[in-house]
């Protein structure tokens, strides 16, 4: 089987399911894991603008896409070319076991996919429930953007026991936020992701300063691993455990 993956986290998942560079024949430049093997896979362009001629030359039996990460036009083009597609549409970490089973079936690695799905289900079942501490993951700077509770990233934070604030619940899930909004919602923990923007401690503390300056409760600030927050698939289990470690470091049950 020849697979082109236009989703970084699913490129990693394909390797973890048992494929190698002889089967994964195309990737994006942001498909950086597993670092010791992914460089053997040719780059066919970015997630938004893959080079169609390179995908054609790769002669894929399957093109792996994500509903949010890749444009609909690329999916439609794959259909026009007669390429079979696998489209990920995960909205919450609890959707990932089904993803692992479906993707592993599509590439004939069902036993490994079932094992990974069962391991993740066990982790999900063991997580704390009913988070009380208000938290918000922040993903972009200038403008300052957050991930709502309705997003996968928000779901990851909710899963480990935080109450993720849902700013602009009718929006696209990634609202632009201000210190005034953070103060209004009384956010106790601001979690600054390392991607797509890599926040630094100075940026984090400046935002907390602004919340306090306008009369809000000063939130605690913490830098977190962006891959733990957003890389779905085989990395979900590791991401949840990394975020659970954050709770322990904060002294939270």
C-alpha atoms as a PDB file:
ATOM      1  CA  UNK A   1       0.000   0.000   0.000  1.00  0.00           C
ATOM      2  CA  UNK A   2       1.161   3.531  -0.864  1.00  0.00           C
ATOM      3  CA  UNK A   3      -0.078   6.301   1.439  1.00  0.00           C
ATOM      4  CA  UNK A   4       0.258  10.085   1.219  1.00  0.00           C
ATOM      5  CA  UNK A   5      -0.423  11.831   4.527  1.00  0.00           C
ATOM      6  CA  UNK A   6      -1.239  15.546   4.666  1.00  0.00           C
ATOM      7  CA  UNK A   7      -1.768  15.499   8.448  1.00  0.00           C
ATOM      8  CA  UNK A   8       1.348  15.632  10.683  1.00  0.00           C
ATOM      9  CA  UNK A   9      -0.165  13.805  13.669  1.00  0.00           C
ATOM     10  CA  UNK A  10      -1.552  11.091  11.407  1.00  0.00           C
ATOM     11  CA  UNK A  11       1.804  10.626   9.676  1.00  0.00           C
ATOM     12  CA  UNK A  12       3.177   9.734  13.103  1.00  0.00           C
ATOM     13  CA  UNK A  13       0.154   7.505  13.691  1.00  0.00           C
ATOM     14  CA  UNK A  14       0.730   5.654  10.415  1.00  0.00           C
ATOM     15  CA  UNK A  15       4.295   4.861  11.484  1.00  0.00           C
ATOM     16  CA  UNK A  16       3.098   3.790  14.930  1.00  0.00           C
ATOM     17  CA  UNK A  17       0.515   1.510  13.329  1.00  0.00           C
ATOM     18  CA  UNK A  18       3.312  -0.306  11.529  1.00  0.00           C
ATOM     19  CA  UNK A  19       3.893   1.364   8.156  1.00  0.00           C
ATOM     20  CA  UNK A  20       7.323   2.556   7.070  1.00  0.00           C
ATOM     21  CA  UNK A  21       8.836   4.801   4.415  1.00  0.00           C
ATOM     22  CA  UNK A  22       8.264   2.176   1.747  1.00  0.00           C
ATOM     23  CA  UNK A  23       4.510   2.563   2.300  1.00  0.00           C
ATOM     24  CA  UNK A  24       4.242   6.220   3.367  1.00  0.00           C
ATOM     25  CA  UNK A  25       5.200   7.910   0.106  1.00  0.00           C
ATOM     26  CA  UNK A  26       4.299  11.547   0.751  1.00  0.00           C
ATOM     27  CA  UNK A  27       4.087  13.977   3.664  1.00  0.00           C
ATOM     28  CA  UNK A  28       4.092  17.664   4.557  1.00  0.00           C
ATOM     29  CA  UNK A  29       7.142  19.546   5.901  1.00  0.00           C
ATOM     30  CA  UNK A  30       5.354  19.692   9.261  1.00  0.00           C
ATOM     31  CA  UNK A  31       5.256  15.896   9.470  1.00  0.00           C
ATOM     32  CA  UNK A  32       8.329  15.802  11.718  1.00  0.00           C
ATOM     33  CA  UNK A  33       7.724  12.618  13.719  1.00  0.00           C
ATOM     34  CA  UNK A  34       9.079  10.009  14.089  1.00  0.00           C
ATOM     35  CA  UNK A  35      12.248  12.036  13.641  1.00  0.00           C
ATOM     36  CA  UNK A  36      14.444   9.024  12.916  1.00  0.00           C
ATOM     37  CA  UNK A  37      12.273   7.773  10.038  1.00  0.00           C
ATOM     38  CA  UNK A  38      10.176  10.540   8.574  1.00  0.00           C
ATOM     39  CA  UNK A  39      13.019  12.114   6.566  1.00  0.00           C
ATOM     40  CA  UNK A  40      12.911   9.114   4.244  1.00  0.00           C
ATOM     41  CA  UNK A  41       9.415  10.174   3.123  1.00  0.00           C
ATOM     42  CA  UNK A  42       9.259  12.751   0.290  1.00  0.00           C
ATOM     43  CA  UNK A  43       7.585  16.096   0.973  1.00  0.00           C
ATOM     44  CA  UNK A  44       4.621  16.782  -1.311  1.00  0.00           C
ATOM     45  CA  UNK A  45       3.789  20.258   0.003  1.00  0.00           C
ATOM     46  CA  UNK A  46       1.980  21.883   2.904  1.00  0.00           C
ATOM     47  CA  UNK A  47      -1.279  21.018   4.597  1.00  0.00           C
ATOM     48  CA  UNK A  48      -3.120  23.861   2.853  1.00  0.00           C
ATOM     49  CA  UNK A  49      -1.265  23.928  -0.464  1.00  0.00           C
ATOM     50  CA  UNK A  50       0.153  20.499  -1.354  1.00  0.00           C
ATOM     51  CA  UNK A  51       1.742  20.225  -4.788  1.00  0.00           C
ATOM     52  CA  UNK A  52      -0.762  18.214  -6.774  1.00  0.00           C
ATOM     53  CA  UNK A  53       1.772  17.022  -9.348  1.00  0.00           C
ATOM     54  CA  UNK A  54       3.884  15.527  -6.547  1.00  0.00           C
ATOM     55  CA  UNK A  55       0.876  13.661  -5.165  1.00  0.00           C
ATOM     56  CA  UNK A  56       0.179  12.280  -8.637  1.00  0.00           C
ATOM     57  CA  UNK A  57       3.813  11.148  -8.973  1.00  0.00           C
ATOM     58  CA  UNK A  58       3.563   9.403  -5.592  1.00  0.00           C
ATOM     59  CA  UNK A  59       0.771   7.192  -7.040  1.00  0.00           C
ATOM     60  CA  UNK A  60      -1.011   6.794  -3.691  1.00  0.00           C
ATOM     61  CA  UNK A  61      -3.506   4.090  -2.929  1.00  0.00           C
ATOM     62  CA  UNK A  62      -4.754   6.302  -0.088  1.00  0.00           C
ATOM     63  CA  UNK A  63      -4.516  10.003   0.787  1.00  0.00           C
ATOM     64  CA  UNK A  64      -4.932  10.814   4.487  1.00  0.00           C
ATOM     65  CA  UNK A  65      -6.636  14.144   5.229  1.00  0.00           C
ATOM     66  CA  UNK A  66      -8.170  16.057   8.111  1.00  0.00           C
ATOM     67  CA  UNK A  67     -11.483  17.866   7.760  1.00  0.00           C
ATOM     68  CA  UNK A  68     -10.243  20.993   9.555  1.00  0.00           C
ATOM     69  CA  UNK A  69      -6.579  20.981   8.595  1.00  0.00           C
ATOM     70  CA  UNK A  70      -6.824  20.409   4.837  1.00  0.00           C
ATOM     71  CA  UNK A  71      -8.937  22.406   2.357  1.00  0.00           C
ATOM     72  CA  UNK A  72     -12.093  20.836   0.962  1.00  0.00           C
ATOM     73  CA  UNK A  73     -10.753  21.582  -2.530  1.00  0.00           C
ATOM     74  CA  UNK A  74      -7.883  19.131  -1.975  1.00  0.00           C
ATOM     75  CA  UNK A  75     -10.311  16.409  -0.925  1.00  0.00           C
ATOM     76  CA  UNK A  76     -12.454  17.082  -4.009  1.00  0.00           C
ATOM     77  CA  UNK A  77      -9.378  17.022  -6.249  1.00  0.00           C
ATOM     78  CA  UNK A  78      -8.343  13.644  -4.801  1.00  0.00           C
ATOM     79  CA  UNK A  79     -11.814  12.348  -5.596  1.00  0.00           C
ATOM     80  CA  UNK A  80     -11.550  13.651  -9.164  1.00  0.00           C
ATOM     81  CA  UNK A  81      -8.183  11.913  -9.565  1.00  0.00           C
ATOM     82  CA  UNK A  82      -9.644   8.636  -8.320  1.00  0.00           C
ATOM     83  CA  UNK A  83      -7.471   8.554  -5.182  1.00  0.00           C
ATOM     84  CA  UNK A  84      -9.058   6.821  -2.210  1.00  0.00           C
ATOM     85  CA  UNK A  85      -9.165   9.120   0.816  1.00  0.00           C
ATOM     86  CA  UNK A  86      -9.311   8.764   4.577  1.00  0.00           C
ATOM     87  CA  UNK A  87     -10.697  11.909   6.211  1.00  0.00           C
ATOM     88  CA  UNK A  88     -10.182  12.467   9.941  1.00  0.00           C
ATOM     89  CA  UNK A  89     -13.010  14.373  11.644  1.00  0.00           C
ATOM     90  CA  UNK A  90     -12.066  14.164  15.327  1.00  0.00           C
ATOM     91  CA  UNK A  91     -13.648  16.796  17.592  1.00  0.00           C
ATOM     92  CA  UNK A  92     -12.721  15.409  21.022  1.00  0.00           C
ATOM     93  CA  UNK A  93     -10.139  13.001  22.473  1.00  0.00           C
ATOM     94  CA  UNK A  94     -12.955  10.513  23.090  1.00  0.00           C
ATOM     95  CA  UNK A  95     -13.315  10.272  19.277  1.00  0.00           C
ATOM     96  CA  UNK A  96      -9.734   9.069  18.857  1.00  0.00           C
ATOM     97  CA  UNK A  97     -10.209   5.341  19.619  1.00  0.00           C
ATOM     98  CA  UNK A  98     -12.654   5.144  16.699  1.00  0.00           C
ATOM     99  CA  UNK A  99     -10.147   7.027  14.539  1.00  0.00           C
ATOM    100  CA  UNK A 100      -7.418   4.540  15.403  1.00  0.00           C
ATOM    101  CA  UNK A 101      -9.670   1.601  14.543  1.00  0.00           C
ATOM    102  CA  UNK A 102     -10.878   3.143  11.269  1.00  0.00           C
ATOM    103  CA  UNK A 103      -7.447   4.253  10.072  1.00  0.00           C
ATOM    104  CA  UNK A 104      -5.828   0.941  10.972  1.00  0.00           C
ATOM    105  CA  UNK A 105      -8.548  -0.869   9.027  1.00  0.00           C
ATOM    106  CA  UNK A 106      -7.921   1.355   5.996  1.00  0.00           C
ATOM    107  CA  UNK A 107      -4.227   0.369   5.958  1.00  0.00           C
ATOM    108  CA  UNK A 108      -4.658  -3.284   6.991  1.00  0.00           C
ATOM    109  CA  UNK A 109      -3.079  -2.877  10.435  1.00  0.00           C
ATOM    110  CA  UNK A 110      -6.178  -3.645  12.476  1.00  0.00           C
ATOM    111  CA  UNK A 111      -4.553  -5.616  15.304  1.00  0.00           C
ATOM    112  CA  UNK A 112      -2.180  -2.774  16.165  1.00  0.00           C
ATOM    113  CA  UNK A 113      -4.976  -0.212  15.845  1.00  0.00           C
ATOM    114  CA  UNK A 114      -7.198  -2.180  18.209  1.00  0.00           C
ATOM    115  CA  UNK A 115      -4.419  -2.435  20.774  1.00  0.00           C
ATOM    116  CA  UNK A 116      -3.747   1.318  20.628  1.00  0.00           C
ATOM    117  CA  UNK A 117      -7.476   2.104  20.831  1.00  0.00           C
ATOM    118  CA  UNK A 118      -7.954  -0.099  23.901  1.00  0.00           C
ATOM    119  CA  UNK A 119      -4.946   1.490  25.632  1.00  0.00           C
ATOM    120  CA  UNK A 120      -6.345   4.970  25.013  1.00  0.00           C
ATOM    121  CA  UNK A 121      -9.809   3.938  26.204  1.00  0.00           C
ATOM    122  CA  UNK A 122      -8.260   2.733  29.468  1.00  0.00           C
ATOM    123  CA  UNK A 123      -6.518   6.087  29.923  1.00  0.00           C
ATOM    124  CA  UNK A 124      -9.713   8.016  29.179  1.00  0.00           C
ATOM    125  CA  UNK A 125     -11.651   5.917  31.687  1.00  0.00           C
ATOM    126  CA  UNK A 126      -9.113   6.690  34.420  1.00  0.00           C
ATOM    127  CA  UNK A 127      -9.147  10.485  34.032  1.00  0.00           C
ATOM    128  CA  UNK A 128     -10.528  12.895  36.647  1.00  0.00           C
ATOM    129  CA  UNK A 129     -14.021  14.249  36.040  1.00  0.00           C
ATOM    130  CA  UNK A 130     -15.887  17.428  36.834  1.00  0.00           C
ATOM    131  CA  UNK A 131     -13.076  19.967  36.629  1.00  0.00           C
ATOM    132  CA  UNK A 132     -13.454  22.987  38.906  1.00  0.00           C
ATOM    133  CA  UNK A 133     -10.401  25.056  37.953  1.00  0.00           C
ATOM    134  CA  UNK A 134     -11.163  27.448  35.107  1.00  0.00           C
ATOM    135  CA  UNK A 135      -8.510  27.188  32.407  1.00  0.00           C
ATOM    136  CA  UNK A 136      -7.960  28.343  28.844  1.00  0.00           C
ATOM    137  CA  UNK A 137      -5.372  27.120  26.322  1.00  0.00           C
ATOM    138  CA  UNK A 138      -3.847  29.941  24.267  1.00  0.00           C
ATOM    139  CA  UNK A 139      -2.491  29.122  20.834  1.00  0.00           C
ATOM    140  CA  UNK A 140      -1.616  32.388  19.052  1.00  0.00           C
ATOM    141  CA  UNK A 141      -0.143  35.761  19.893  1.00  0.00           C
ATOM    142  CA  UNK A 142      -0.980  39.121  18.260  1.00  0.00           C
ATOM    143  CA  UNK A 143      -3.853  38.638  18.020  1.00  0.00           C
ATOM    144  CA  UNK A 144      -4.153  36.581  21.181  1.00  0.00           C
ATOM    145  CA  UNK A 145      -6.203  33.498  20.324  1.00  0.00           C
ATOM    146  CA  UNK A 146      -7.576  30.699  22.478  1.00  0.00           C
ATOM    147  CA  UNK A 147      -8.987  27.216  21.899  1.00  0.00           C
ATOM    148  CA  UNK A 148     -12.523  26.870  23.223  1.00  0.00           C
ATOM    149  CA  UNK A 149     -13.922  23.875  25.071  1.00  0.00           C
ATOM    150  CA  UNK A 150     -15.546  22.818  21.779  1.00  0.00           C
ATOM    151  CA  UNK A 151     -12.188  22.153  20.084  1.00  0.00           C
ATOM    152  CA  UNK A 152      -9.966  19.083  20.308  1.00  0.00           C
ATOM    153  CA  UNK A 153      -7.359  21.136  22.199  1.00  0.00           C
ATOM    154  CA  UNK A 154     -10.003  22.332  24.641  1.00  0.00           C
ATOM    155  CA  UNK A 155     -11.193  18.757  25.021  1.00  0.00           C
ATOM    156  CA  UNK A 156      -7.699  17.622  25.947  1.00  0.00           C
ATOM    157  CA  UNK A 157      -7.585  20.176  28.759  1.00  0.00           C
ATOM    158  CA  UNK A 158     -11.117  19.271  29.872  1.00  0.00           C
ATOM    159  CA  UNK A 159     -10.248  15.573  29.905  1.00  0.00           C
ATOM    160  CA  UNK A 160      -7.547  16.057  32.512  1.00  0.00           C
ATOM    161  CA  UNK A 161      -9.900  17.818  34.910  1.00  0.00           C
ATOM    162  CA  UNK A 162      -9.956  21.526  34.043  1.00  0.00           C
ATOM    163  CA  UNK A 163     -13.084  23.577  33.358  1.00  0.00           C
ATOM    164  CA  UNK A 164     -12.257  25.074  29.960  1.00  0.00           C
ATOM    165  CA  UNK A 165     -13.863  28.479  29.473  1.00  0.00           C
ATOM    166  CA  UNK A 166     -16.068  28.666  26.381  1.00  0.00           C
ATOM    167  CA  UNK A 167     -15.556  32.165  24.997  1.00  0.00           C
ATOM    168  CA  UNK A 168     -17.747  32.956  21.966  1.00  0.00           C
ATOM    169  CA  UNK A 169     -19.560  29.585  22.016  1.00  0.00           C
ATOM    170  CA  UNK A 170     -21.184  30.301  18.638  1.00  0.00           C
ATOM    171  CA  UNK A 171     -17.876  31.084  16.940  1.00  0.00           C
ATOM    172  CA  UNK A 172     -15.385  28.847  15.129  1.00  0.00           C
ATOM    173  CA  UNK A 173     -13.834  27.561  18.361  1.00  0.00           C
ATOM    174  CA  UNK A 174     -10.746  29.771  18.203  1.00  0.00           C
ATOM    175  CA  UNK A 175     -11.757  33.192  19.527  1.00  0.00           C
ATOM    176  CA  UNK A 176      -9.560  36.257  19.701  1.00  0.00           C
ATOM    177  CA  UNK A 177      -9.400  37.109  23.404  1.00  0.00           C
ATOM    178  CA  UNK A 178      -8.384  40.117  25.450  1.00  0.00           C
ATOM    179  CA  UNK A 179      -7.257  40.634  29.048  1.00  0.00           C
ATOM    180  CA  UNK A 180     -10.731  42.029  29.738  1.00  0.00           C
ATOM    181  CA  UNK A 181     -12.340  38.774  28.554  1.00  0.00           C
ATOM    182  CA  UNK A 182      -9.977  36.716  30.683  1.00  0.00           C
ATOM    183  CA  UNK A 183     -10.825  38.851  33.696  1.00  0.00           C
ATOM    184  CA  UNK A 184     -14.557  38.667  32.963  1.00  0.00           C
ATOM    185  CA  UNK A 185     -14.469  34.864  32.860  1.00  0.00           C
ATOM    186  CA  UNK A 186     -12.207  34.707  35.938  1.00  0.00           C
ATOM    187  CA  UNK A 187      -9.754  32.329  34.245  1.00  0.00           C
ATOM    188  CA  UNK A 188      -7.491  30.835  36.900  1.00  0.00           C
ATOM    189  CA  UNK A 189      -5.001  29.036  34.631  1.00  0.00           C
ATOM    190  CA  UNK A 190      -3.695  30.279  31.298  1.00  0.00           C
ATOM    191  CA  UNK A 191      -1.975  27.459  29.388  1.00  0.00           C
ATOM    192  CA  UNK A 192       0.320  28.782  26.671  1.00  0.00           C
ATOM    193  CA  UNK A 193       0.991  26.343  23.838  1.00  0.00           C
ATOM    194  CA  UNK A 194       4.334  25.860  22.099  1.00  0.00           C
ATOM    195  CA  UNK A 195       2.560  25.699  18.704  1.00  0.00           C
ATOM    196  CA  UNK A 196       1.401  27.046  16.339  1.00  0.00           C
ATOM    197  CA  UNK A 197       2.893  30.057  18.186  1.00  0.00           C
ATOM    198  CA  UNK A 198       5.685  29.239  20.609  1.00  0.00           C
ATOM    199  CA  UNK A 199       4.901  31.397  23.611  1.00  0.00           C
ATOM    200  CA  UNK A 200       7.722  32.470  25.888  1.00  0.00           C
ATOM    201  CA  UNK A 201       7.560  33.224  29.634  1.00  0.00           C
ATOM    202  CA  UNK A 202       7.725  36.977  29.063  1.00  0.00           C
ATOM    203  CA  UNK A 203       4.669  36.943  26.789  1.00  0.00           C
ATOM    204  CA  UNK A 204       2.751  34.823  29.272  1.00  0.00           C
ATOM    205  CA  UNK A 205       3.570  37.035  32.245  1.00  0.00           C
ATOM    206  CA  UNK A 206       2.754  40.202  30.289  1.00  0.00           C
ATOM    207  CA  UNK A 207      -0.767  38.921  29.625  1.00  0.00           C
ATOM    208  CA  UNK A 208      -1.221  38.005  33.295  1.00  0.00           C
ATOM    209  CA  UNK A 209       0.036  41.488  34.224  1.00  0.00           C
ATOM    210  CA  UNK A 210      -2.599  43.045  31.959  1.00  0.00           C
ATOM    211  CA  UNK A 211      -5.405  40.990  33.513  1.00  0.00           C
ATOM    212  CA  UNK A 212      -4.300  42.072  36.962  1.00  0.00           C
ATOM    213  CA  UNK A 213      -3.838  45.698  35.875  1.00  0.00           C
ATOM    214  CA  UNK A 214      -7.484  46.038  34.843  1.00  0.00           C
ATOM    215  CA  UNK A 215      -8.703  44.587  38.148  1.00  0.00           C
ATOM    216  CA  UNK A 216      -9.022  40.885  37.326  1.00  0.00           C
ATOM    217  CA  UNK A 217      -7.667  38.038  39.407  1.00  0.00           C
ATOM    218  CA  UNK A 218      -4.130  37.329  38.266  1.00  0.00           C
ATOM    219  CA  UNK A 219      -4.146  33.984  36.444  1.00  0.00           C
ATOM    220  CA  UNK A 220      -1.419  31.420  36.838  1.00  0.00           C
ATOM    221  CA  UNK A 221       0.559  31.007  33.619  1.00  0.00           C
ATOM    222  CA  UNK A 222       2.094  27.789  32.345  1.00  0.00           C
ATOM    223  CA  UNK A 223       3.865  26.910  29.108  1.00  0.00           C
ATOM    224  CA  UNK A 224       2.633  23.603  27.696  1.00  0.00           C
ATOM    225  CA  UNK A 225       3.676  21.247  24.926  1.00  0.00           C
ATOM    226  CA  UNK A 226       1.641  22.053  21.810  1.00  0.00           C
ATOM    227  CA  UNK A 227       1.982  18.532  20.498  1.00  0.00           C
ATOM    228  CA  UNK A 228       0.382  17.196  23.689  1.00  0.00           C
ATOM    229  CA  UNK A 229      -2.447  19.646  23.100  1.00  0.00           C
ATOM    230  CA  UNK A 230      -3.218  19.099  19.409  1.00  0.00           C
ATOM    231  CA  UNK A 231      -1.529  16.002  17.959  1.00  0.00           C
ATOM    232  CA  UNK A 232      -4.353  13.479  17.727  1.00  0.00           C
ATOM    233  CA  UNK A 233      -4.064   9.794  16.969  1.00  0.00           C
ATOM    234  CA  UNK A 234      -1.316   7.654  18.423  1.00  0.00           C
ATOM    235  CA  UNK A 235       0.014  10.690  20.328  1.00  0.00           C
ATOM    236  CA  UNK A 236      -3.274  11.339  22.159  1.00  0.00           C
ATOM    237  CA  UNK A 237      -2.451   8.919  24.966  1.00  0.00           C
ATOM    238  CA  UNK A 238       0.975  10.457  25.551  1.00  0.00           C
ATOM    239  CA  UNK A 239      -0.536  13.938  25.361  1.00  0.00           C
ATOM    240  CA  UNK A 240      -3.122  13.175  28.026  1.00  0.00           C
ATOM    241  CA  UNK A 241      -0.468  11.774  30.335  1.00  0.00           C
ATOM    242  CA  UNK A 242       1.727  14.830  29.815  1.00  0.00           C
ATOM    243  CA  UNK A 243      -1.164  17.155  30.672  1.00  0.00           C
ATOM    244  CA  UNK A 244      -2.002  15.023  33.709  1.00  0.00           C
ATOM    245  CA  UNK A 245       1.571  15.565  34.871  1.00  0.00           C
ATOM    246  CA  UNK A 246       0.921  19.305  34.634  1.00  0.00           C
ATOM    247  CA  UNK A 247      -1.985  18.943  37.080  1.00  0.00           C
ATOM    248  CA  UNK A 248       0.252  17.046  39.471  1.00  0.00           C
ATOM    249  CA  UNK A 249       2.942  19.740  39.190  1.00  0.00           C
ATOM    250  CA  UNK A 250       0.281  22.304  40.075  1.00  0.00           C
ATOM    251  CA  UNK A 251      -0.683  20.273  43.137  1.00  0.00           C
ATOM    252  CA  UNK A 252      -4.175  19.582  41.770  1.00  0.00           C
ATOM    253  CA  UNK A 253      -5.987  16.287  42.317  1.00  0.00           C
END
